[in-house]
Amino acid sequence: EISKPKYVGVVGTIGQYVHGNQPSHHVAYLYNYAGKPWKTQEIVRKVMDELYRTGPGGLCGNEDMGSLSSWYVLSAMGFYPVCPGQNIYVIGTPL
């Protein structure tokens, strides 16, 4: 069993996945490359459902020039650019 992170200031966590740390936003989509797209869909939906809310304080970390919002918008549409700078998008789970 993997325990929850024990670091002070860690926000937006699900297990060892830290959505509040923008460089890890693509990690939820890597199951697509392992031949298990249903795991990508499961994790992406869990992040959208548990780590985003409406109203003040609805983001699970520092917005960093729109990174959290853009992750949500792209994920809600059902695709995501895992490797920035390339015109390649992977499929997720649209709302």
PDB file of N, CA and C in Angstrom:
ATOM      1  N   GLU A   1       0.844  -1.178   0.000  1.00  0.00           N
ATOM      2  CA  GLU A   1       0.000   0.000   0.000  1.00  0.00           C
ATOM      3  C   GLU A   1       0.883   1.233   0.000  1.00  0.00           C
ATOM      4  N   ILE A   2       0.527   2.198  -0.832  1.00  0.00           N
ATOM      5  CA  ILE A   2       1.270   3.449  -0.900  1.00  0.00           C
ATOM      6  C   ILE A   2       0.591   4.455   0.015  1.00  0.00           C
ATOM      7  N   SER A   3       1.364   5.039   0.889  1.00  0.00           N
ATOM      8  CA  SER A   3       0.803   6.004   1.831  1.00  0.00           C
ATOM      9  C   SER A   3       0.676   7.376   1.182  1.00  0.00           C
ATOM     10  N   LYS A   4      -0.089   8.242   1.836  1.00  0.00           N
ATOM     11  CA  LYS A   4      -0.252   9.608   1.361  1.00  0.00           C
ATOM     12  C   LYS A   4       1.041  10.385   1.592  1.00  0.00           C
ATOM     13  N   PRO A   5       1.294  11.415   0.760  1.00  0.00           N
ATOM     14  CA  PRO A   5       2.491  12.230   0.968  1.00  0.00           C
ATOM     15  C   PRO A   5       2.473  12.882   2.343  1.00  0.00           C
ATOM     16  N   LYS A   6       3.640  13.021   2.939  1.00  0.00           N
ATOM     17  CA  LYS A   6       3.741  13.591   4.280  1.00  0.00           C
ATOM     18  C   LYS A   6       4.508  14.908   4.273  1.00  0.00           C
ATOM     19  N   TYR A   7       4.544  15.570   3.128  1.00  0.00           N
ATOM     20  CA  TYR A   7       5.299  16.808   3.010  1.00  0.00           C
ATOM     21  C   TYR A   7       4.404  18.000   3.299  1.00  0.00           C
ATOM     22  N   VAL A   8       4.937  18.960   4.009  1.00  0.00           N
ATOM     23  CA  VAL A   8       4.189  20.172   4.309  1.00  0.00           C
ATOM     24  C   VAL A   8       4.032  20.977   3.025  1.00  0.00           C
ATOM     25  N   GLY A   9       2.834  21.468   2.779  1.00  0.00           N
ATOM     26  CA  GLY A   9       2.600  22.315   1.621  1.00  0.00           C
ATOM     27  C   GLY A   9       2.234  21.578   0.346  1.00  0.00           C
ATOM     28  N   VAL A  10       2.155  20.265   0.377  1.00  0.00           N
ATOM     29  CA  VAL A  10       1.773  19.520  -0.820  1.00  0.00           C
ATOM     30  C   VAL A  10       0.259  19.617  -0.972  1.00  0.00           C
ATOM     31  N   VAL A  11      -0.184  20.138  -2.115  1.00  0.00           N
ATOM     32  CA  VAL A  11      -1.617  20.279  -2.364  1.00  0.00           C
ATOM     33  C   VAL A  11      -1.984  19.521  -3.626  1.00  0.00           C
ATOM     34  N   GLY A  12      -3.240  19.161  -3.715  1.00  0.00           N
ATOM     35  CA  GLY A  12      -3.717  18.490  -4.913  1.00  0.00           C
ATOM     36  C   GLY A  12      -3.161  17.100  -5.092  1.00  0.00           C
ATOM     37  N   THR A  13      -3.206  16.293  -4.038  1.00  0.00           N
ATOM     38  CA  THR A  13      -2.635  14.952  -4.125  1.00  0.00           C
ATOM     39  C   THR A  13      -3.715  13.876  -4.175  1.00  0.00           C
ATOM     40  N   ILE A  14      -3.425  12.837  -4.937  1.00  0.00           N
ATOM     41  CA  ILE A  14      -4.194  11.595  -4.932  1.00  0.00           C
ATOM     42  C   ILE A  14      -3.143  10.504  -4.875  1.00  0.00           C
ATOM     43  N   GLY A  15      -2.994   9.882  -3.718  1.00  0.00           N
ATOM     44  CA  GLY A  15      -1.914   8.915  -3.532  1.00  0.00           C
ATOM     45  C   GLY A  15      -0.579   9.614  -3.683  1.00  0.00           C
ATOM     46  N   GLN A  16       0.263   9.116  -4.571  1.00  0.00           N
ATOM     47  CA  GLN A  16       1.557   9.743  -4.830  1.00  0.00           C
ATOM     48  C   GLN A  16       1.506  10.726  -6.004  1.00  0.00           C
ATOM     49  N   TYR A  17       0.369  10.855  -6.640  1.00  0.00           N
ATOM     50  CA  TYR A  17       0.208  11.799  -7.747  1.00  0.00           C
ATOM     51  C   TYR A  17      -0.060  13.186  -7.179  1.00  0.00           C
ATOM     52  N   VAL A  18       0.762  14.158  -7.541  1.00  0.00           N
ATOM     53  CA  VAL A  18       0.627  15.522  -7.019  1.00  0.00           C
ATOM     54  C   VAL A  18       0.210  16.442  -8.163  1.00  0.00           C
ATOM     55  N   HIS A  19      -1.084  16.641  -8.290  1.00  0.00           N
ATOM     56  CA  HIS A  19      -1.607  17.471  -9.372  1.00  0.00           C
ATOM     57  C   HIS A  19      -1.272  18.945  -9.161  1.00  0.00           C
ATOM     58  N   GLY A  20      -1.052  19.352  -7.922  1.00  0.00           N
ATOM     59  CA  GLY A  20      -0.685  20.731  -7.633  1.00  0.00           C
ATOM     60  C   GLY A  20       0.708  21.088  -8.124  1.00  0.00           C
ATOM     61  N   ASN A  21       1.487  20.121  -8.576  1.00  0.00           N
ATOM     62  CA  ASN A  21       2.816  20.342  -9.132  1.00  0.00           C
ATOM     63  C   ASN A  21       2.711  20.229 -10.654  1.00  0.00           C
ATOM     64  N   GLN A  22       2.679  21.364 -11.326  1.00  0.00           N
ATOM     65  CA  GLN A  22       2.373  21.397 -12.752  1.00  0.00           C
ATOM     66  C   GLN A  22       3.244  20.506 -13.640  1.00  0.00           C
ATOM     67  N   PRO A  23       4.528  20.311 -13.373  1.00  0.00           N
ATOM     68  CA  PRO A  23       5.301  19.431 -14.260  1.00  0.00           C
ATOM     69  C   PRO A  23       4.812  17.979 -14.288  1.00  0.00           C
ATOM     70  N   SER A  24       3.929  17.613 -13.364  1.00  0.00           N
ATOM     71  CA  SER A  24       3.436  16.233 -13.356  1.00  0.00           C
ATOM     72  C   SER A  24       2.049  16.091 -13.982  1.00  0.00           C
ATOM     73  N   HIS A  25       1.512  17.146 -14.572  1.00  0.00           N
ATOM     74  CA  HIS A  25       0.159  17.075 -15.131  1.00  0.00           C
ATOM     75  C   HIS A  25      -0.006  15.972 -16.166  1.00  0.00           C
ATOM     76  N   HIS A  26       1.020  15.668 -16.912  1.00  0.00           N
ATOM     77  CA  HIS A  26       0.922  14.663 -17.971  1.00  0.00           C
ATOM     78  C   HIS A  26       0.895  13.230 -17.435  1.00  0.00           C
ATOM     79  N   VAL A  27       1.310  13.030 -16.197  1.00  0.00           N
ATOM     80  CA  VAL A  27       1.473  11.674 -15.654  1.00  0.00           C
ATOM     81  C   VAL A  27       0.177  10.873 -15.716  1.00  0.00           C
ATOM     82  N   ALA A  28      -0.951  11.500 -15.466  1.00  0.00           N
ATOM     83  CA  ALA A  28      -2.233  10.787 -15.489  1.00  0.00           C
ATOM     84  C   ALA A  28      -2.533  10.184 -16.860  1.00  0.00           C
ATOM     85  N   TYR A  29      -1.925  10.716 -17.899  1.00  0.00           N
ATOM     86  CA  TYR A  29      -2.180  10.251 -19.263  1.00  0.00           C
ATOM     87  C   TYR A  29      -1.200   9.188 -19.744  1.00  0.00           C
ATOM     88  N   LEU A  30      -0.202   8.868 -18.978  1.00  0.00           N
ATOM     89  CA  LEU A  30       0.827   7.937 -19.444  1.00  0.00           C
ATOM     90  C   LEU A  30       0.349   6.492 -19.540  1.00  0.00           C
ATOM     91  N   TYR A  31      -0.754   6.149 -18.879  1.00  0.00           N
ATOM     92  CA  TYR A  31      -1.298   4.792 -19.026  1.00  0.00           C
ATOM     93  C   TYR A  31      -1.698   4.511 -20.476  1.00  0.00           C
ATOM     94  N   ASN A  32      -2.037   5.554 -21.239  1.00  0.00           N
ATOM     95  CA  ASN A  32      -2.340   5.355 -22.666  1.00  0.00           C
ATOM     96  C   ASN A  32      -1.173   4.704 -23.385  1.00  0.00           C
ATOM     97  N   TYR A  33       0.038   5.088 -23.019  1.00  0.00           N
ATOM     98  CA  TYR A  33       1.238   4.549 -23.671  1.00  0.00           C
ATOM     99  C   TYR A  33       1.579   3.142 -23.180  1.00  0.00           C
ATOM    100  N   ALA A  34       0.998   2.749 -22.060  1.00  0.00           N
ATOM    101  CA  ALA A  34       1.227   1.411 -21.516  1.00  0.00           C
ATOM    102  C   ALA A  34       0.134   0.436 -21.943  1.00  0.00           C
ATOM    103  N   GLY A  35      -0.752   0.879 -22.837  1.00  0.00           N
ATOM    104  CA  GLY A  35      -1.816   0.010 -23.320  1.00  0.00           C
ATOM    105  C   GLY A  35      -2.974  -0.144 -22.351  1.00  0.00           C
ATOM    106  N   LYS A  36      -3.106   0.788 -21.395  1.00  0.00           N
ATOM    107  CA  LYS A  36      -4.191   0.719 -20.414  1.00  0.00           C
ATOM    108  C   LYS A  36      -4.940   2.052 -20.362  1.00  0.00           C
ATOM    109  N   PRO A  37      -5.618   2.400 -21.456  1.00  0.00           N
ATOM    110  CA  PRO A  37      -6.295   3.698 -21.496  1.00  0.00           C
ATOM    111  C   PRO A  37      -7.388   3.851 -20.446  1.00  0.00           C
ATOM    112  N   TRP A  38      -7.995   2.761 -20.001  1.00  0.00           N
ATOM    113  CA  TRP A  38      -9.029   2.849 -18.972  1.00  0.00           C
ATOM    114  C   TRP A  38      -8.455   3.380 -17.661  1.00  0.00           C
ATOM    115  N   LYS A  39      -7.180   3.125 -17.382  1.00  0.00           N
ATOM    116  CA  LYS A  39      -6.563   3.678 -16.174  1.00  0.00           C
ATOM    117  C   LYS A  39      -6.367   5.186 -16.319  1.00  0.00           C
ATOM    118  N   THR A  40      -5.987   5.633 -17.516  1.00  0.00           N
ATOM    119  CA  THR A  40      -5.906   7.074 -17.766  1.00  0.00           C
ATOM    120  C   THR A  40      -7.264   7.702 -17.525  1.00  0.00           C
ATOM    121  N   GLN A  41      -8.305   7.111 -18.092  1.00  0.00           N
ATOM    122  CA  GLN A  41      -9.652   7.659 -17.948  1.00  0.00           C
ATOM    123  C   GLN A  41     -10.085   7.698 -16.489  1.00  0.00           C
ATOM    124  N   GLU A  42      -9.776   6.651 -15.750  1.00  0.00           N
ATOM    125  CA  GLU A  42     -10.142   6.580 -14.334  1.00  0.00           C
ATOM    126  C   GLU A  42      -9.438   7.675 -13.522  1.00  0.00           C
ATOM    127  N   ILE A  43      -8.152   7.831 -13.730  1.00  0.00           N
ATOM    128  CA  ILE A  43      -7.388   8.805 -12.949  1.00  0.00           C
ATOM    129  C   ILE A  43      -7.753  10.234 -13.339  1.00  0.00           C
ATOM    130  N   VAL A  44      -7.875  10.497 -14.627  1.00  0.00           N
ATOM    131  CA  VAL A  44      -8.224  11.844 -15.074  1.00  0.00           C
ATOM    132  C   VAL A  44      -9.582  12.248 -14.514  1.00  0.00           C
ATOM    133  N   ARG A  45     -10.540  11.350 -14.570  1.00  0.00           N
ATOM    134  CA  ARG A  45     -11.872  11.664 -14.027  1.00  0.00           C
ATOM    135  C   ARG A  45     -11.806  11.896 -12.519  1.00  0.00           C
ATOM    136  N   LYS A  46     -11.015  11.104 -11.819  1.00  0.00           N
ATOM    137  CA  LYS A  46     -10.868  11.274 -10.371  1.00  0.00           C
ATOM    138  C   LYS A  46     -10.253  12.634 -10.044  1.00  0.00           C
ATOM    139  N   VAL A  47      -9.242  13.030 -10.791  1.00  0.00           N
ATOM    140  CA  VAL A  47      -8.622  14.345 -10.581  1.00  0.00           C
ATOM    141  C   VAL A  47      -9.642  15.449 -10.826  1.00  0.00           C
ATOM    142  N   MET A  48     -10.387  15.360 -11.921  1.00  0.00           N
ATOM    143  CA  MET A  48     -11.383  16.391 -12.225  1.00  0.00           C
ATOM    144  C   MET A  48     -12.463  16.452 -11.149  1.00  0.00           C
ATOM    145  N   ASP A  49     -12.909  15.303 -10.668  1.00  0.00           N
ATOM    146  CA  ASP A  49     -13.990  15.258  -9.685  1.00  0.00           C
ATOM    147  C   ASP A  49     -13.549  15.666  -8.279  1.00  0.00           C
ATOM    148  N   GLU A  50     -12.326  15.299  -7.891  1.00  0.00           N
ATOM    149  CA  GLU A  50     -11.899  15.507  -6.507  1.00  0.00           C
ATOM    150  C   GLU A  50     -11.042  16.746  -6.277  1.00  0.00           C
ATOM    151  N   LEU A  51     -10.358  17.220  -7.298  1.00  0.00           N
ATOM    152  CA  LEU A  51      -9.403  18.304  -7.075  1.00  0.00           C
ATOM    153  C   LEU A  51      -9.820  19.644  -7.674  1.00  0.00           C
ATOM    154  N   TYR A  52     -10.965  19.716  -8.295  1.00  0.00           N
ATOM    155  CA  TYR A  52     -11.468  20.970  -8.852  1.00  0.00           C
ATOM    156  C   TYR A  52     -12.851  21.242  -8.286  1.00  0.00           C
ATOM    157  N   ARG A  53     -13.097  22.510  -7.945  1.00  0.00           N
ATOM    158  CA  ARG A  53     -14.390  22.937  -7.409  1.00  0.00           C
ATOM    159  C   ARG A  53     -14.767  24.272  -8.052  1.00  0.00           C
ATOM    160  N   THR A  54     -16.021  24.626  -7.956  1.00  0.00           N
ATOM    161  CA  THR A  54     -16.440  25.950  -8.402  1.00  0.00           C
ATOM    162  C   THR A  54     -16.268  26.931  -7.256  1.00  0.00           C
ATOM    163  N   GLY A  55     -16.106  28.185  -7.568  1.00  0.00           N
ATOM    164  CA  GLY A  55     -15.990  29.224  -6.553  1.00  0.00           C
ATOM    165  C   GLY A  55     -14.561  29.478  -6.120  1.00  0.00           C
ATOM    166  N   PRO A  56     -14.390  30.409  -5.185  1.00  0.00           N
ATOM    167  CA  PRO A  56     -13.049  30.735  -4.686  1.00  0.00           C
ATOM    168  C   PRO A  56     -12.378  29.505  -4.072  1.00  0.00           C
ATOM    169  N   GLY A  57     -11.122  29.353  -4.329  1.00  0.00           N
ATOM    170  CA  GLY A  57     -10.395  28.206  -3.786  1.00  0.00           C
ATOM    171  C   GLY A  57     -10.675  26.911  -4.511  1.00  0.00           C
ATOM    172  N   GLY A  58     -11.228  26.991  -5.706  1.00  0.00           N
ATOM    173  CA  GLY A  58     -11.596  25.786  -6.433  1.00  0.00           C
ATOM    174  C   GLY A  58     -10.463  25.084  -7.158  1.00  0.00           C
ATOM    175  N   LEU A  59      -9.283  25.688  -7.143  1.00  0.00           N
ATOM    176  CA  LEU A  59      -8.122  25.065  -7.781  1.00  0.00           C
ATOM    177  C   LEU A  59      -7.226  24.450  -6.720  1.00  0.00           C
ATOM    178  N   CYS A  60      -6.587  23.367  -7.061  1.00  0.00           N
ATOM    179  CA  CYS A  60      -5.805  22.598  -6.086  1.00  0.00           C
ATOM    180  C   CYS A  60      -4.335  22.994  -6.064  1.00  0.00           C
ATOM    181  N   GLY A  61      -4.052  24.252  -6.200  1.00  0.00           N
ATOM    182  CA  GLY A  61      -2.663  24.694  -6.170  1.00  0.00           C
ATOM    183  C   GLY A  61      -2.524  26.048  -6.822  1.00  0.00           C
ATOM    184  N   ASN A  62      -1.309  26.403  -7.164  1.00  0.00           N
ATOM    185  CA  ASN A  62      -1.009  27.675  -7.798  1.00  0.00           C
ATOM    186  C   ASN A  62      -1.387  27.595  -9.272  1.00  0.00           C
ATOM    187  N   GLU A  63      -2.175  28.543  -9.728  1.00  0.00           N
ATOM    188  CA  GLU A  63      -2.659  28.543 -11.113  1.00  0.00           C
ATOM    189  C   GLU A  63      -1.531  28.661 -12.141  1.00  0.00           C
ATOM    190  N   ASP A  64      -0.421  29.266 -11.789  1.00  0.00           N
ATOM    191  CA  ASP A  64       0.747  29.359 -12.679  1.00  0.00           C
ATOM    192  C   ASP A  64       0.384  29.683 -14.122  1.00  0.00           C
ATOM    193  N   MET A  65      -0.164  30.862 -14.324  1.00  0.00           N
ATOM    194  CA  MET A  65      -0.466  31.379 -15.664  1.00  0.00           C
ATOM    195  C   MET A  65      -1.444  30.499 -16.434  1.00  0.00           C
ATOM    196  N   GLY A  66      -2.367  29.888 -15.754  1.00  0.00           N
ATOM    197  CA  GLY A  66      -3.427  29.139 -16.415  1.00  0.00           C
ATOM    198  C   GLY A  66      -3.202  27.656 -16.579  1.00  0.00           C
ATOM    199  N   SER A  67      -2.164  27.114 -15.977  1.00  0.00           N
ATOM    200  CA  SER A  67      -1.865  25.694 -16.200  1.00  0.00           C
ATOM    201  C   SER A  67      -2.929  24.767 -15.619  1.00  0.00           C
ATOM    202  N   LEU A  68      -3.430  25.067 -14.432  1.00  0.00           N
ATOM    203  CA  LEU A  68      -4.465  24.206 -13.850  1.00  0.00           C
ATOM    204  C   LEU A  68      -5.766  24.308 -14.644  1.00  0.00           C
ATOM    205  N   SER A  69      -6.139  25.530 -14.994  1.00  0.00           N
ATOM    206  CA  SER A  69      -7.370  25.715 -15.769  1.00  0.00           C
ATOM    207  C   SER A  69      -7.276  25.072 -17.143  1.00  0.00           C
ATOM    208  N   SER A  70      -6.139  25.238 -17.799  1.00  0.00           N
ATOM    209  CA  SER A  70      -6.007  24.643 -19.134  1.00  0.00           C
ATOM    210  C   SER A  70      -5.992  23.122 -19.063  1.00  0.00           C
ATOM    211  N   TRP A  71      -5.386  22.553 -18.016  1.00  0.00           N
ATOM    212  CA  TRP A  71      -5.424  21.099 -17.846  1.00  0.00           C
ATOM    213  C   TRP A  71      -6.879  20.649 -17.745  1.00  0.00           C
ATOM    214  N   TYR A  72      -7.671  21.362 -16.934  1.00  0.00           N
ATOM    215  CA  TYR A  72      -9.064  20.975 -16.742  1.00  0.00           C
ATOM    216  C   TYR A  72      -9.860  21.109 -18.041  1.00  0.00           C
ATOM    217  N   VAL A  73      -9.705  22.222 -18.727  1.00  0.00           N
ATOM    218  CA  VAL A  73     -10.466  22.443 -19.964  1.00  0.00           C
ATOM    219  C   VAL A  73     -10.141  21.370 -20.999  1.00  0.00           C
ATOM    220  N   LEU A  74      -8.856  21.116 -21.218  1.00  0.00           N
ATOM    221  CA  LEU A  74      -8.469  20.086 -22.187  1.00  0.00           C
ATOM    222  C   LEU A  74      -8.957  18.707 -21.752  1.00  0.00           C
ATOM    223  N   SER A  75      -8.811  18.399 -20.475  1.00  0.00           N
ATOM    224  CA  SER A  75      -9.253  17.090 -19.977  1.00  0.00           C
ATOM    225  C   SER A  75     -10.761  16.946 -20.083  1.00  0.00           C
ATOM    226  N   ALA A  76     -11.504  18.021 -19.824  1.00  0.00           N
ATOM    227  CA  ALA A  76     -12.962  17.978 -19.938  1.00  0.00           C
ATOM    228  C   ALA A  76     -13.398  17.753 -21.385  1.00  0.00           C
ATOM    229  N   MET A  77     -12.588  18.222 -22.337  1.00  0.00           N
ATOM    230  CA  MET A  77     -12.889  17.984 -23.754  1.00  0.00           C
ATOM    231  C   MET A  77     -12.463  16.588 -24.192  1.00  0.00           C
ATOM    232  N   GLY A  78     -11.636  15.925 -23.379  1.00  0.00           N
ATOM    233  CA  GLY A  78     -11.295  14.538 -23.658  1.00  0.00           C
ATOM    234  C   GLY A  78      -9.969  14.291 -24.334  1.00  0.00           C
ATOM    235  N   PHE A  79      -9.087  15.280 -24.350  1.00  0.00           N
ATOM    236  CA  PHE A  79      -7.758  15.054 -24.924  1.00  0.00           C
ATOM    237  C   PHE A  79      -6.734  15.938 -24.226  1.00  0.00           C
ATOM    238  N   TYR A  80      -5.457  15.598 -24.398  1.00  0.00           N
ATOM    239  CA  TYR A  80      -4.396  16.333 -23.703  1.00  0.00           C
ATOM    240  C   TYR A  80      -3.078  16.223 -24.470  1.00  0.00           C
ATOM    241  N   PRO A  81      -2.304  17.331 -24.550  1.00  0.00           N
ATOM    242  CA  PRO A  81      -0.998  17.300 -25.217  1.00  0.00           C
ATOM    243  C   PRO A  81       0.087  16.834 -24.254  1.00  0.00           C
ATOM    244  N   VAL A  82       0.349  15.557 -24.204  1.00  0.00           N
ATOM    245  CA  VAL A  82       1.317  15.012 -23.248  1.00  0.00           C
ATOM    246  C   VAL A  82       2.708  15.605 -23.460  1.00  0.00           C
ATOM    247  N   CYS A  83       3.077  15.824 -24.702  1.00  0.00           N
ATOM    248  CA  CYS A  83       4.401  16.385 -25.011  1.00  0.00           C
ATOM    249  C   CYS A  83       4.222  17.759 -25.649  1.00  0.00           C
ATOM    250  N   PRO A  84       4.335  18.836 -24.860  1.00  0.00           N
ATOM    251  CA  PRO A  84       4.159  20.177 -25.419  1.00  0.00           C
ATOM    252  C   PRO A  84       5.113  20.423 -26.588  1.00  0.00           C
ATOM    253  N   GLY A  85       4.631  21.171 -27.554  1.00  0.00           N
ATOM    254  CA  GLY A  85       5.446  21.477 -28.718  1.00  0.00           C
ATOM    255  C   GLY A  85       5.222  20.528 -29.879  1.00  0.00           C
ATOM    256  N   GLN A  86       4.460  19.472 -29.649  1.00  0.00           N
ATOM    257  CA  GLN A  86       4.116  18.540 -30.724  1.00  0.00           C
ATOM    258  C   GLN A  86       2.611  18.578 -30.942  1.00  0.00           C
ATOM    259  N   ASN A  87       2.184  18.338 -32.138  1.00  0.00           N
ATOM    260  CA  ASN A  87       0.753  18.309 -32.452  1.00  0.00           C
ATOM    261  C   ASN A  87       0.180  16.916 -32.222  1.00  0.00           C
ATOM    262  N   ILE A  88       0.497  16.341 -31.080  1.00  0.00           N
ATOM    263  CA  ILE A  88       0.017  15.006 -30.730  1.00  0.00           C
ATOM    264  C   ILE A  88      -0.788  15.114 -29.439  1.00  0.00           C
ATOM    265  N   TYR A  89      -2.003  14.618 -29.479  1.00  0.00           N
ATOM    266  CA  TYR A  89      -2.871  14.636 -28.308  1.00  0.00           C
ATOM    267  C   TYR A  89      -3.272  13.205 -27.974  1.00  0.00           C
ATOM    268  N   VAL A  90      -3.384  12.914 -26.692  1.00  0.00           N
ATOM    269  CA  VAL A  90      -3.853  11.595 -26.276  1.00  0.00           C
ATOM    270  C   VAL A  90      -5.291  11.726 -25.786  1.00  0.00           C
ATOM    271  N   ILE A  91      -6.002  10.629 -25.854  1.00  0.00           N
ATOM    272  CA  ILE A  91      -7.413  10.610 -25.488  1.00  0.00           C
ATOM    273  C   ILE A  91      -7.556  10.373 -23.991  1.00  0.00           C
ATOM    274  N   GLY A  92      -8.506  11.103 -23.403  1.00  0.00           N
ATOM    275  CA  GLY A  92      -8.798  10.955 -21.979  1.00  0.00           C
ATOM    276  C   GLY A  92     -10.238  10.537 -21.779  1.00  0.00           C
ATOM    277  N   THR A  93     -10.976  11.335 -21.014  1.00  0.00           N
ATOM    278  CA  THR A  93     -12.375  11.036 -20.733  1.00  0.00           C
ATOM    279  C   THR A  93     -13.179  12.336 -20.727  1.00  0.00           C
ATOM    280  N   PRO A  94     -13.890  12.636 -21.812  1.00  0.00           N
ATOM    281  CA  PRO A  94     -14.635  13.899 -21.861  1.00  0.00           C
ATOM    282  C   PRO A  94     -15.794  13.914 -20.872  1.00  0.00           C
ATOM    283  N   LEU A  95     -16.161  15.114 -20.450  1.00  0.00           N
ATOM    284  CA  LEU A  95     -17.320  15.240 -19.554  1.00  0.00           C
ATOM    285  C   LEU A  95     -18.592  14.986 -20.309  1.00  0.00           C
TER     286      LEU A  95
END
